[in-house]
Amino acid sequence: MEVNLLPTCQHCFSEWTYKQSLKNLLFLKCPYCGEKNYARKFRIRDIIVGVGFPIIILFIFPLMNVPYKWMFLLTVIGLLIYMMTYPINLQLTKDEEPLF
């Protein structure tokens, strides 16, 4: 069984390159067939980052007396790492999934 690390279009089944994945992060339009894809909802990594970052930034850093410039720098670095690794293991679907 082959494990795809990069997104695969659910219409034409073409695997996107890393560069194509970064370019299409917002719209998820296939560069090969032009069809729109949708990201699967509620991935555990997204939940951890979406909930974990704000908790750390808003509550834990101030308790540790971390200067604001370091909080800002760590936040930017964390978001950059998240955005650069987002295309890896991004799973696409043909139809938009309901929120709940």
C-alpha atoms as a PDB file:
ATOM      1  CA  MET A   1       0.000   0.000   0.000  1.00  0.00           C
ATOM      2  CA  GLU A   2       1.440   3.337  -1.075  1.00  0.00           C
ATOM      3  CA  VAL A   3       1.085   6.291   1.275  1.00  0.00           C
ATOM      4  CA  ASN A   4       0.653   9.669  -0.428  1.00  0.00           C
ATOM      5  CA  LEU A   5       2.189  12.521   1.492  1.00  0.00           C
ATOM      6  CA  LEU A   6       0.981  15.217  -0.874  1.00  0.00           C
ATOM      7  CA  PRO A   7      -2.617  15.948  -1.917  1.00  0.00           C
ATOM      8  CA  THR A   8      -4.178  13.990  -4.748  1.00  0.00           C
ATOM      9  CA  CYS A   9      -6.980  15.507  -6.832  1.00  0.00           C
ATOM     10  CA  GLN A  10     -10.189  13.592  -6.265  1.00  0.00           C
ATOM     11  CA  HIS A  11     -11.375  14.277  -9.823  1.00  0.00           C
ATOM     12  CA  CYS A  12      -8.384  13.347 -12.019  1.00  0.00           C
ATOM     13  CA  PHE A  13      -6.329  11.519  -9.329  1.00  0.00           C
ATOM     14  CA  SER A  14      -3.155  13.499 -10.099  1.00  0.00           C
ATOM     15  CA  GLU A  15      -0.779  13.981  -7.184  1.00  0.00           C
ATOM     16  CA  TRP A  16       0.144  17.621  -6.681  1.00  0.00           C
ATOM     17  CA  THR A  17       3.711  18.730  -6.157  1.00  0.00           C
ATOM     18  CA  TYR A  18       4.680  20.514  -2.958  1.00  0.00           C
ATOM     19  CA  LYS A  19       4.931  23.836  -4.827  1.00  0.00           C
ATOM     20  CA  GLN A  20       1.498  23.368  -6.415  1.00  0.00           C
ATOM     21  CA  SER A  21       0.062  22.512  -3.004  1.00  0.00           C
ATOM     22  CA  LEU A  22       1.417  25.724  -1.483  1.00  0.00           C
ATOM     23  CA  LYS A  23       0.073  27.804  -4.375  1.00  0.00           C
ATOM     24  CA  ASN A  24      -3.381  26.229  -4.047  1.00  0.00           C
ATOM     25  CA  LEU A  25      -3.766  26.336  -0.258  1.00  0.00           C
ATOM     26  CA  LEU A  26      -6.661  28.792  -0.324  1.00  0.00           C
ATOM     27  CA  PHE A  27      -8.699  27.588  -3.287  1.00  0.00           C
ATOM     28  CA  LEU A  28      -7.628  23.915  -3.645  1.00  0.00           C
ATOM     29  CA  LYS A  29      -8.198  24.064  -7.411  1.00  0.00           C
ATOM     30  CA  CYS A  30      -6.439  21.242  -9.251  1.00  0.00           C
ATOM     31  CA  PRO A  31      -3.600  22.523 -11.460  1.00  0.00           C
ATOM     32  CA  TYR A  32      -4.163  19.614 -13.872  1.00  0.00           C
ATOM     33  CA  CYS A  33      -7.923  19.446 -14.449  1.00  0.00           C
ATOM     34  CA  GLY A  34      -9.048  22.773 -12.918  1.00  0.00           C
ATOM     35  CA  GLU A  35     -11.703  21.184 -10.685  1.00  0.00           C
ATOM     36  CA  LYS A  36     -12.274  22.407  -7.137  1.00  0.00           C
ATOM     37  CA  ASN A  37     -11.396  20.090  -4.270  1.00  0.00           C
ATOM     38  CA  TYR A  38     -12.224  20.447  -0.588  1.00  0.00           C
ATOM     39  CA  ALA A  39     -10.078  19.755   2.445  1.00  0.00           C
ATOM     40  CA  ARG A  40     -11.246  17.142   4.911  1.00  0.00           C
ATOM     41  CA  LYS A  41     -12.494  18.723   8.102  1.00  0.00           C
ATOM     42  CA  PHE A  42     -11.405  18.208  11.713  1.00  0.00           C
ATOM     43  CA  ARG A  43      -7.957  16.784  11.309  1.00  0.00           C
ATOM     44  CA  ILE A  44      -6.367  16.215  14.696  1.00  0.00           C
ATOM     45  CA  ARG A  45      -3.301  18.308  13.805  1.00  0.00           C
ATOM     46  CA  ASP A  46      -5.475  21.292  12.914  1.00  0.00           C
ATOM     47  CA  ILE A  47      -7.371  20.996  16.175  1.00  0.00           C
ATOM     48  CA  ILE A  48      -4.181  20.803  18.236  1.00  0.00           C
ATOM     49  CA  VAL A  49      -2.633  23.810  16.476  1.00  0.00           C
ATOM     50  CA  GLY A  50      -5.890  25.770  16.437  1.00  0.00           C
ATOM     51  CA  VAL A  51      -6.491  25.281  20.144  1.00  0.00           C
ATOM     52  CA  GLY A  52      -2.928  24.840  21.403  1.00  0.00           C
ATOM     53  CA  PHE A  53      -1.361  27.986  19.965  1.00  0.00           C
ATOM     54  CA  PRO A  54      -3.895  30.420  21.405  1.00  0.00           C
ATOM     55  CA  ILE A  55      -3.731  28.759  24.829  1.00  0.00           C
ATOM     56  CA  ILE A  56       0.051  28.944  24.901  1.00  0.00           C
ATOM     57  CA  ILE A  57       0.204  32.499  23.567  1.00  0.00           C
ATOM     58  CA  LEU A  58      -2.607  33.955  25.672  1.00  0.00           C
ATOM     59  CA  PHE A  59      -2.175  32.114  28.960  1.00  0.00           C
ATOM     60  CA  ILE A  60       1.106  30.254  29.392  1.00  0.00           C
ATOM     61  CA  PHE A  61       3.570  32.782  27.944  1.00  0.00           C
ATOM     62  CA  PRO A  62       2.308  35.669  30.114  1.00  0.00           C
ATOM     63  CA  LEU A  63       2.515  33.465  33.227  1.00  0.00           C
ATOM     64  CA  MET A  64       6.146  32.762  32.408  1.00  0.00           C
ATOM     65  CA  ASN A  65       6.845  36.497  31.894  1.00  0.00           C
ATOM     66  CA  VAL A  66       7.954  35.973  28.311  1.00  0.00           C
ATOM     67  CA  PRO A  67       8.589  39.368  26.641  1.00  0.00           C
ATOM     68  CA  TYR A  68       6.109  40.347  23.937  1.00  0.00           C
ATOM     69  CA  LYS A  69       8.762  40.420  21.215  1.00  0.00           C
ATOM     70  CA  TRP A  70       9.603  36.759  21.956  1.00  0.00           C
ATOM     71  CA  MET A  71       5.917  35.813  22.027  1.00  0.00           C
ATOM     72  CA  PHE A  72       5.468  37.495  18.654  1.00  0.00           C
ATOM     73  CA  LEU A  73       8.587  35.856  17.189  1.00  0.00           C
ATOM     74  CA  LEU A  74       7.607  32.379  18.426  1.00  0.00           C
ATOM     75  CA  THR A  75       4.087  32.875  17.104  1.00  0.00           C
ATOM     76  CA  VAL A  76       5.343  33.848  13.643  1.00  0.00           C
ATOM     77  CA  ILE A  77       7.801  30.932  13.561  1.00  0.00           C
ATOM     78  CA  GLY A  78       5.073  28.509  14.659  1.00  0.00           C
ATOM     79  CA  LEU A  79       2.663  29.769  12.016  1.00  0.00           C
ATOM     80  CA  LEU A  80       5.339  29.549   9.316  1.00  0.00           C
ATOM     81  CA  ILE A  81       6.149  25.976  10.278  1.00  0.00           C
ATOM     82  CA  TYR A  82       2.454  25.123  10.253  1.00  0.00           C
ATOM     83  CA  MET A  83       1.918  26.702   6.821  1.00  0.00           C
ATOM     84  CA  MET A  84       4.992  24.996   5.352  1.00  0.00           C
ATOM     85  CA  THR A  85       3.911  21.563   6.601  1.00  0.00           C
ATOM     86  CA  TYR A  86       0.209  21.967   5.821  1.00  0.00           C
ATOM     87  CA  PRO A  87       0.402  20.484   2.283  1.00  0.00           C
ATOM     88  CA  ILE A  88       1.916  17.303   3.678  1.00  0.00           C
ATOM     89  CA  ASN A  89      -0.876  14.850   4.467  1.00  0.00           C
ATOM     90  CA  LEU A  90      -3.591  17.263   3.293  1.00  0.00           C
ATOM     91  CA  GLN A  91      -6.497  15.038   2.343  1.00  0.00           C
ATOM     92  CA  LEU A  92      -8.883  16.218  -0.347  1.00  0.00           C
ATOM     93  CA  THR A  93     -12.451  15.279  -1.097  1.00  0.00           C
ATOM     94  CA  LYS A  94     -14.812  15.993  -4.031  1.00  0.00           C
ATOM     95  CA  ASP A  95     -17.663  17.325  -1.948  1.00  0.00           C
ATOM     96  CA  GLU A  96     -17.663  19.877   0.812  1.00  0.00           C
ATOM     97  CA  GLU A  97     -18.110  18.143   4.154  1.00  0.00           C
ATOM     98  CA  PRO A  98     -20.630  19.517   6.652  1.00  0.00           C
ATOM     99  CA  LEU A  99     -19.182  21.296   9.684  1.00  0.00           C
ATOM    100  CA  PHE A 100     -20.862  18.947  12.160  1.00  0.00           C
END
